[in-house]
Amino acid sequence: MTLCLHTGGEEIALADLRDLDTPAATASHVPIPHIDVVDMVRYALGFHGHDIVEEAHAITPGGDRYFGLLSLRSRARTAGRASWARRPTRKRAVV
């Protein structure tokens, strides 16, 4: 699986994602570690009968933004695969 990254993004191993520091919480913003989101998604997918057959993870410089891509196979289906992508951020931003 290949990620097409832009503006300084770099691929990161799942084990290295676990080692990233998370910014401290403030009174109005509580950052969630990227790995916590990945672990929750992996658990939910497995609970609902999906196996991860390939995965790729990337971060921006400084680790504030994460992008993940998971290729899935359903245990309930005999053919076909699906993909899941996620781009959460720990940055405080008004959109």
C-alpha atoms as a PDB file:
ATOM      1  CA  MET A   1       0.000   0.000   0.000  1.00  0.00           C
ATOM      2  CA  THR A   2       1.357   3.417  -0.902  1.00  0.00           C
ATOM      3  CA  LEU A   3       0.481   6.776   0.595  1.00  0.00           C
ATOM      4  CA  CYS A   4       0.833   9.867  -1.560  1.00  0.00           C
ATOM      5  CA  LEU A   5       1.971  12.477   0.964  1.00  0.00           C
ATOM      6  CA  HIS A   6       2.381  16.204   0.478  1.00  0.00           C
ATOM      7  CA  THR A   7       4.075  19.171   2.145  1.00  0.00           C
ATOM      8  CA  GLY A   8       6.522  17.352   4.367  1.00  0.00           C
ATOM      9  CA  GLY A   9       4.338  14.472   5.479  1.00  0.00           C
ATOM     10  CA  GLU A  10       6.236  11.315   6.322  1.00  0.00           C
ATOM     11  CA  GLU A  11       5.228   7.696   6.680  1.00  0.00           C
ATOM     12  CA  ILE A  12       5.526   6.312  10.204  1.00  0.00           C
ATOM     13  CA  ALA A  13       5.417   2.764  11.585  1.00  0.00           C
ATOM     14  CA  LEU A  14       2.598   1.866  13.955  1.00  0.00           C
ATOM     15  CA  ALA A  15       5.136   1.230  16.747  1.00  0.00           C
ATOM     16  CA  ASP A  16       6.618   4.711  16.233  1.00  0.00           C
ATOM     17  CA  LEU A  17       3.140   6.247  16.287  1.00  0.00           C
ATOM     18  CA  ARG A  18       2.822   4.883  19.839  1.00  0.00           C
ATOM     19  CA  ASP A  19       5.904   6.867  20.879  1.00  0.00           C
ATOM     20  CA  LEU A  20       4.649  10.297  19.732  1.00  0.00           C
ATOM     21  CA  ASP A  21       4.136  12.889  22.435  1.00  0.00           C
ATOM     22  CA  THR A  22       0.669  14.373  22.830  1.00  0.00           C
ATOM     23  CA  PRO A  23       0.308  18.071  23.687  1.00  0.00           C
ATOM     24  CA  ALA A  24      -0.929  18.911  27.164  1.00  0.00           C
ATOM     25  CA  ALA A  25      -4.621  19.579  27.654  1.00  0.00           C
ATOM     26  CA  THR A  26      -5.904  23.094  28.212  1.00  0.00           C
ATOM     27  CA  ALA A  27      -9.141  24.313  29.772  1.00  0.00           C
ATOM     28  CA  SER A  28     -10.849  24.243  26.368  1.00  0.00           C
ATOM     29  CA  HIS A  29      -8.973  21.590  24.359  1.00  0.00           C
ATOM     30  CA  VAL A  30      -8.023  18.000  25.196  1.00  0.00           C
ATOM     31  CA  PRO A  31      -5.853  16.415  22.490  1.00  0.00           C
ATOM     32  CA  ILE A  32      -6.326  12.679  21.923  1.00  0.00           C
ATOM     33  CA  PRO A  33      -3.201  10.682  21.051  1.00  0.00           C
ATOM     34  CA  HIS A  34      -3.272   9.532  17.427  1.00  0.00           C
ATOM     35  CA  ILE A  35      -2.581   5.966  18.533  1.00  0.00           C
ATOM     36  CA  ASP A  36      -5.709   5.969  20.726  1.00  0.00           C
ATOM     37  CA  VAL A  37      -7.839   6.745  17.666  1.00  0.00           C
ATOM     38  CA  VAL A  38      -6.074   4.023  15.659  1.00  0.00           C
ATOM     39  CA  ASP A  39      -6.513   1.475  18.468  1.00  0.00           C
ATOM     40  CA  MET A  40     -10.232   2.284  18.826  1.00  0.00           C
ATOM     41  CA  VAL A  41     -10.780   1.925  15.073  1.00  0.00           C
ATOM     42  CA  ARG A  42      -8.813  -1.353  14.931  1.00  0.00           C
ATOM     43  CA  TYR A  43     -10.890  -2.728  17.814  1.00  0.00           C
ATOM     44  CA  ALA A  44     -14.220  -1.653  16.282  1.00  0.00           C
ATOM     45  CA  LEU A  45     -13.332  -3.076  12.875  1.00  0.00           C
ATOM     46  CA  GLY A  46     -12.305  -6.401  14.413  1.00  0.00           C
ATOM     47  CA  PHE A  47     -15.445  -6.502  16.563  1.00  0.00           C
ATOM     48  CA  HIS A  48     -17.577  -6.085  13.439  1.00  0.00           C
ATOM     49  CA  GLY A  49     -15.824  -8.855  11.521  1.00  0.00           C
ATOM     50  CA  HIS A  50     -13.121  -7.089   9.531  1.00  0.00           C
ATOM     51  CA  ASP A  51      -9.465  -8.071   9.304  1.00  0.00           C
ATOM     52  CA  ILE A  52      -6.778  -5.520   8.471  1.00  0.00           C
ATOM     53  CA  VAL A  53      -4.706  -6.903   5.591  1.00  0.00           C
ATOM     54  CA  GLU A  54      -2.561  -3.814   4.915  1.00  0.00           C
ATOM     55  CA  GLU A  55      -2.050  -0.503   6.658  1.00  0.00           C
ATOM     56  CA  ALA A  56      -0.094   2.718   6.274  1.00  0.00           C
ATOM     57  CA  HIS A  57       0.292   5.633   8.676  1.00  0.00           C
ATOM     58  CA  ALA A  58       1.755   9.113   8.206  1.00  0.00           C
ATOM     59  CA  ILE A  59       2.216  12.334  10.166  1.00  0.00           C
ATOM     60  CA  THR A  60       3.053  15.936   9.370  1.00  0.00           C
ATOM     61  CA  PRO A  61       6.233  17.502  10.737  1.00  0.00           C
ATOM     62  CA  GLY A  62       5.763  17.946  14.468  1.00  0.00           C
ATOM     63  CA  GLY A  63       3.194  15.139  14.593  1.00  0.00           C
ATOM     64  CA  ASP A  64       0.148  17.417  14.862  1.00  0.00           C
ATOM     65  CA  ARG A  65      -1.700  15.821  11.951  1.00  0.00           C
ATOM     66  CA  TYR A  66      -2.139  12.123  11.226  1.00  0.00           C
ATOM     67  CA  PHE A  67      -3.333  10.217   8.176  1.00  0.00           C
ATOM     68  CA  GLY A  68      -4.087   6.505   8.202  1.00  0.00           C
ATOM     69  CA  LEU A  69      -5.158   4.044   5.550  1.00  0.00           C
ATOM     70  CA  LEU A  70      -6.355   0.528   6.361  1.00  0.00           C
ATOM     71  CA  SER A  71      -7.180  -2.108   3.769  1.00  0.00           C
ATOM     72  CA  LEU A  72      -9.815  -4.506   5.093  1.00  0.00           C
ATOM     73  CA  ARG A  73     -11.180  -7.951   4.396  1.00  0.00           C
ATOM     74  CA  SER A  74     -14.546  -8.902   5.825  1.00  0.00           C
ATOM     75  CA  ARG A  75     -14.821 -12.295   7.512  1.00  0.00           C
ATOM     76  CA  ALA A  76     -18.490 -12.369   6.468  1.00  0.00           C
ATOM     77  CA  ARG A  77     -17.746 -12.012   2.742  1.00  0.00           C
ATOM     78  CA  THR A  78     -15.678 -14.341   0.624  1.00  0.00           C
ATOM     79  CA  ALA A  79     -14.665 -11.811  -2.032  1.00  0.00           C
ATOM     80  CA  GLY A  80     -13.658  -8.173  -2.151  1.00  0.00           C
ATOM     81  CA  ARG A  81     -11.861  -5.747   0.084  1.00  0.00           C
ATOM     82  CA  ALA A  82     -12.604  -2.308   1.460  1.00  0.00           C
ATOM     83  CA  SER A  83     -10.453   0.562   2.662  1.00  0.00           C
ATOM     84  CA  TRP A  84     -10.757   2.994   5.549  1.00  0.00           C
ATOM     85  CA  ALA A  85      -8.974   6.331   5.729  1.00  0.00           C
ATOM     86  CA  ARG A  86      -8.779   8.853   8.546  1.00  0.00           C
ATOM     87  CA  ARG A  87      -7.179  12.259   8.962  1.00  0.00           C
ATOM     88  CA  PRO A  88      -7.686  13.529  12.509  1.00  0.00           C
ATOM     89  CA  THR A  89      -5.732  16.465  13.867  1.00  0.00           C
ATOM     90  CA  ARG A  90      -4.644  17.551  17.323  1.00  0.00           C
ATOM     91  CA  LYS A  91      -4.427  21.184  16.260  1.00  0.00           C
ATOM     92  CA  ARG A  92      -6.926  23.633  17.668  1.00  0.00           C
ATOM     93  CA  ALA A  93      -8.619  25.229  14.722  1.00  0.00           C
ATOM     94  CA  VAL A  94     -11.832  27.030  13.970  1.00  0.00           C
ATOM     95  CA  VAL A  95     -13.199  25.770  10.689  1.00  0.00           C
END
